Protein backbone atom coordinates (compact mmCIF):
# COMPACT_ATOMS: atom_id res chain seq x y z
CA MET A 1 -8.04 300.49 79.34
CA MET A 2 -5.11 302.48 79.62
CA PHE A 3 -1.29 301.58 79.81
CA ALA A 4 1.60 303.69 80.82
CA ARG A 5 4.44 304.21 78.45
CA LEU A 6 7.90 303.34 79.82
CA PRO A 7 10.31 305.78 79.05
CA ARG A 8 12.81 304.87 76.14
CA PRO A 9 16.39 304.32 77.13
CA PRO A 10 18.87 306.74 75.63
CA ARG A 11 20.20 305.88 72.27
CA GLY A 12 24.08 306.24 73.56
CA LEU A 13 23.30 303.75 76.47
CA VAL A 14 21.87 301.25 74.02
CA ARG A 15 24.87 301.47 71.56
CA GLY A 16 27.21 301.40 74.42
CA ALA A 17 25.67 298.03 75.32
CA VAL A 18 25.77 296.72 72.17
CA VAL A 19 29.45 297.55 71.64
CA ALA A 20 30.08 296.04 75.12
CA GLY A 21 28.34 292.74 73.96
CA ALA A 22 30.07 292.81 70.86
CA LEU A 23 33.40 293.05 72.29
CA ALA A 24 32.60 290.41 75.00
CA GLY A 25 31.87 288.11 72.24
CA LEU A 26 35.08 288.72 70.43
CA ALA A 27 37.21 288.04 73.53
CA ALA A 28 35.40 285.09 73.96
CA LEU A 29 36.25 283.71 70.48
CA ALA A 30 39.82 284.65 70.58
CA ALA A 31 40.12 282.90 74.01
CA CYS A 32 38.62 279.84 72.37
CA SER A 33 40.65 280.04 69.30
CA SER A 34 44.44 280.61 71.01
CA PRO A 35 46.48 278.24 71.06
CA SER A 36 47.11 276.58 74.24
CA SER A 37 50.36 276.42 76.35
CA ARG A 38 52.64 272.94 76.33
CA PHE A 39 54.53 272.19 79.05
CA TYR A 40 58.01 270.48 79.33
CA THR A 41 59.92 268.67 81.92
CA LEU A 42 63.60 267.43 82.06
CA GLY A 43 62.95 265.36 85.08
CA ALA A 44 61.47 262.12 83.00
CA ASP A 45 63.77 259.18 82.83
CA SER A 46 63.60 255.74 81.68
CA ALA A 47 62.11 254.35 84.96
CA ALA A 48 59.50 256.75 84.86
CA GLY A 49 57.66 255.19 81.61
CA SER A 50 56.48 252.05 83.32
CA ALA A 51 52.88 252.03 84.53
CA ALA A 52 53.55 249.23 87.55
CA PRO A 53 52.56 250.44 90.25
CA VAL A 54 55.60 250.80 93.14
CA SER A 55 55.14 249.35 96.61
CA ALA A 56 56.40 251.21 99.46
CA ARG A 57 59.88 250.11 101.31
CA THR A 58 62.28 251.05 103.10
CA SER A 59 65.96 251.06 102.05
CA ALA A 60 68.90 250.63 104.30
CA ALA A 61 70.84 253.53 104.98
CA PRO A 62 73.66 254.17 102.21
CA ALA A 63 77.34 254.48 103.56
CA TRP A 64 77.16 258.04 102.34
CA LEU A 65 74.48 260.80 100.99
CA ILE A 66 74.80 263.37 98.36
CA GLU A 67 73.12 267.09 98.81
CA VAL A 68 72.37 268.40 95.52
CA ALA A 69 72.22 272.29 96.00
CA PRO A 70 70.18 274.91 94.11
CA ILE A 71 71.22 275.53 90.87
CA ASP A 72 72.27 278.69 88.86
CA VAL A 73 71.39 279.28 85.46
CA PRO A 74 71.66 282.24 83.16
CA PRO A 75 69.39 284.94 83.71
CA GLN A 76 68.14 285.10 79.79
CA VAL A 77 66.72 281.75 80.16
CA SER A 78 65.65 281.70 84.04
CA LYS A 79 61.90 281.96 82.92
CA ASN A 80 59.28 279.60 82.21
CA GLN A 81 59.15 280.04 78.68
CA LEU A 82 61.49 278.42 76.34
CA VAL A 83 64.17 280.60 75.05
CA VAL A 84 65.34 279.60 71.86
CA GLN A 85 68.42 281.06 69.57
CA THR A 86 67.78 282.32 66.53
CA ALA A 87 71.23 283.71 65.73
CA PRO A 88 74.41 284.14 67.87
CA THR A 89 72.98 287.30 69.37
CA GLN A 90 69.48 286.98 68.97
CA VAL A 91 66.60 284.71 71.20
CA LYS A 92 62.85 284.37 70.89
CA VAL A 93 60.97 283.73 73.64
CA LEU A 94 58.48 281.22 73.11
CA GLU A 95 55.02 282.28 74.61
CA GLU A 96 52.99 278.86 73.96
CA GLU A 97 56.05 276.57 74.96
CA ARG A 98 57.07 276.66 78.87
CA TRP A 99 58.95 274.74 81.34
CA ALA A 100 56.66 272.82 83.97
CA SER A 101 59.07 274.72 86.71
CA LEU A 102 61.52 277.04 86.40
CA PRO A 103 64.69 275.69 84.65
CA GLY A 104 67.17 275.97 87.41
CA ASP A 105 64.45 273.65 89.25
CA GLU A 106 63.88 271.46 86.54
CA ILE A 107 67.71 271.06 86.50
CA ARG A 108 68.39 270.42 89.90
CA ARG A 109 65.61 268.09 90.04
CA ALA A 110 66.63 265.98 87.09
CA LEU A 111 70.21 265.81 88.31
CA SER A 112 69.26 264.61 91.83
CA THR A 113 67.30 261.81 90.50
CA SER A 114 69.85 260.59 88.11
CA LEU A 115 72.79 260.66 90.89
CA THR A 116 70.85 259.04 93.27
CA GLN A 117 69.80 256.27 90.97
CA GLN A 118 73.37 255.88 89.74
CA LEU A 119 74.85 256.05 93.23
CA ASN A 120 72.19 254.03 94.90
CA THR A 121 72.19 256.81 97.70
CA ILE A 122 69.93 259.62 98.88
CA ASP A 123 70.03 263.24 98.20
CA VAL A 124 69.24 264.63 101.67
CA TYR A 125 69.07 268.80 100.87
CA GLY A 126 66.86 270.32 103.12
CA THR A 127 66.79 267.10 105.39
CA ALA A 128 68.48 266.18 108.75
CA TYR A 129 70.78 263.14 108.14
CA PRO A 130 72.99 261.49 110.75
CA ASP A 131 76.18 263.05 111.97
CA GLY A 132 78.29 260.10 111.22
CA THR A 133 77.51 259.64 107.55
CA PRO A 134 79.71 261.34 105.09
CA VAL A 135 77.92 263.85 102.78
CA TYR A 136 78.98 265.18 99.42
CA ARG A 137 77.44 268.18 98.33
CA VAL A 138 77.07 268.65 94.61
CA SER A 139 76.85 272.68 93.34
CA MET A 140 76.09 273.72 89.71
CA ASN A 141 76.59 276.90 88.10
CA VAL A 142 75.25 276.49 84.39
CA GLN A 143 76.83 279.18 82.34
CA ARG A 144 75.01 278.34 79.17
CA PHE A 145 71.88 276.97 78.26
CA GLU A 146 71.33 277.07 74.72
CA SER A 147 68.60 275.81 72.45
CA TRP A 148 69.17 275.85 68.63
CA PRO A 149 65.99 274.18 67.14
CA GLY A 150 66.93 271.73 64.41
CA SER A 151 70.65 271.72 65.43
CA HIS A 152 71.65 271.08 69.11
CA ALA A 153 71.12 271.59 72.49
CA LEU A 154 73.93 272.80 74.81
CA ILE A 155 74.88 273.01 78.39
CA ASP A 156 78.01 274.60 79.86
CA ALA A 157 78.37 274.03 83.57
CA VAL A 158 81.04 274.45 85.99
CA TRP A 159 80.12 271.92 89.24
CA SER A 160 81.77 271.19 92.13
CA VAL A 161 81.55 268.00 94.71
CA ARG A 162 82.41 268.60 98.34
CA ALA A 163 82.94 266.90 101.34
CA VAL A 164 80.29 268.29 103.94
CA ARG A 165 82.63 267.32 106.84
CA GLY A 166 86.04 268.07 105.36
CA ALA A 167 88.40 270.41 103.29
CA ALA A 168 88.26 268.33 99.73
CA VAL A 169 86.69 269.70 96.88
CA MET A 170 86.66 269.05 93.35
CA THR A 171 85.59 271.58 90.73
CA CYS A 172 85.09 270.59 86.87
CA ARG A 173 83.55 272.03 84.04
CA SER A 174 81.44 269.98 81.63
CA VAL A 175 80.77 271.45 77.97
CA VAL A 176 78.14 269.42 76.16
CA SER A 177 76.61 269.71 73.05
CA GLU A 178 73.56 267.09 71.82
CA PRO A 179 72.32 267.50 67.96
CA VAL A 180 68.64 267.96 67.63
CA SER A 181 66.22 267.25 64.98
CA GLY A 182 63.30 269.65 64.62
CA GLY A 183 60.37 270.59 67.21
CA TYR A 184 60.39 271.70 70.47
CA ASP A 185 59.99 267.91 72.07
CA ALA A 186 63.58 267.05 70.48
CA LEU A 187 65.11 269.75 71.62
CA VAL A 188 63.94 268.93 75.18
CA GLU A 189 65.11 265.36 74.59
CA GLY A 190 68.39 267.05 73.46
CA HIS A 191 68.76 269.05 76.82
CA ARG A 192 67.90 265.66 78.85
CA ARG A 193 70.38 263.77 77.11
CA ALA A 194 73.17 266.37 77.69
CA LEU A 195 72.07 266.88 81.52
CA GLN A 196 72.14 262.82 81.61
CA ARG A 197 76.08 263.10 80.39
CA ILE A 198 77.11 265.66 82.76
CA SER A 199 75.15 263.56 85.41
CA VAL A 200 77.42 260.57 85.00
CA GLN A 201 80.29 262.73 85.45
CA VAL A 202 79.18 264.04 88.58
CA ALA A 203 78.48 260.60 89.40
CA SER A 204 82.22 259.26 88.55
CA ALA A 205 83.42 262.31 90.75
CA VAL A 206 81.32 261.59 93.83
CA ARG A 207 82.54 257.75 93.82
CA ALA A 208 85.96 259.26 93.40
CA MET A 209 85.88 261.69 96.33
CA ALA A 210 84.53 259.03 98.35
CA VAL A 211 87.12 256.38 97.58
CA ALA A 212 89.60 258.88 98.37
CA ALA A 213 88.27 259.78 101.61
CA PRO A 214 89.83 257.01 103.50
CA VAL A 215 93.27 257.62 102.46
CA ALA A 216 92.80 261.18 103.19
CA ALA A 217 91.82 260.38 106.78
CA SER A 218 94.74 257.75 107.39
CA GLN A 219 97.39 260.15 105.98
CA GLY A 220 95.91 262.75 108.73
CA LYS A 221 96.21 260.18 111.48
CA GLY A 222 99.51 259.54 110.48
CA GLY A 223 100.77 262.95 110.27
CA GLY A 224 101.04 263.37 106.48
CA ALA A 225 100.31 266.46 104.45
CA ALA A 226 96.74 266.62 105.04
CA GLY A 227 97.26 266.44 109.01
CA LYS A 228 99.59 269.06 108.89
CA GLY A 229 97.65 271.70 107.39
CA GLY A 230 99.03 271.20 103.70
CA ALA A 231 96.93 271.05 100.35
CA VAL A 232 94.11 268.18 100.42
CA ALA A 233 94.69 265.99 97.51
CA VAL A 234 91.58 265.11 95.40
CA PRO A 235 91.22 263.20 92.46
CA ALA A 236 91.22 264.30 88.72
CA CYS A 237 88.30 265.34 87.16
CA PRO A 238 86.25 262.79 85.07
CA SER A 239 86.35 262.36 81.20
CA ASP A 240 85.41 265.52 79.64
CA GLY A 241 85.62 267.66 82.84
CA VAL A 242 88.36 270.08 83.26
CA GLY A 243 90.14 271.79 86.09
CA ALA A 244 90.47 270.09 89.57
CA VAL A 245 91.31 272.24 92.40
CA ALA A 246 91.77 271.77 96.07
CA GLY A 247 90.28 273.65 98.69
CA GLY A 248 88.43 274.74 101.95
């Protein structure tokens, strides 16, 4: 019986297949050994820690509403990776430590949640609302969002509360620094505390604007300064905020 001899593959092809297989194995090992990313959020609050189910319910319409606009943050921290300060003029981008969403979205969501809870109202941004209900728009520009591991978390923000259907606007600045211990969990918690302190100031401003609105309306009907095109009186900024102005 005779057997046909199969042709032997070229040596170069064999070596190429062996090298390709080795590289694939190394890539698989590297993928298995690389650390997984950790994700952080500013949106958690004390109520979120409860595991008890919440039944669906419809609340009575609040006397006034809020509208929390999208929030601007410095470009150098507007990314999913945590950016930490290593020196006054140096930062480090952490590839494995990431925000669940972009920092501006995280801040807006956390601020909205805190304000609606404090004021017992609804954030109607992007949602239709009744024409006769007063609405107060909250805008914020975060000018500094600094993360110093083992030292402090700092938020420096200029924010305003504006009556959507009126000329009154309150503009304030809040600079809050929270001490933190080591670790990135502590750093994120420091930013949560700083943002909560700012949200308390914003909530106080919204309440003051809502209280002042009927007074301004009565002055306008009676021919006061507001009714004659003069400056619209607005309350002063809350504690730790500075620079209230009036404008259209």
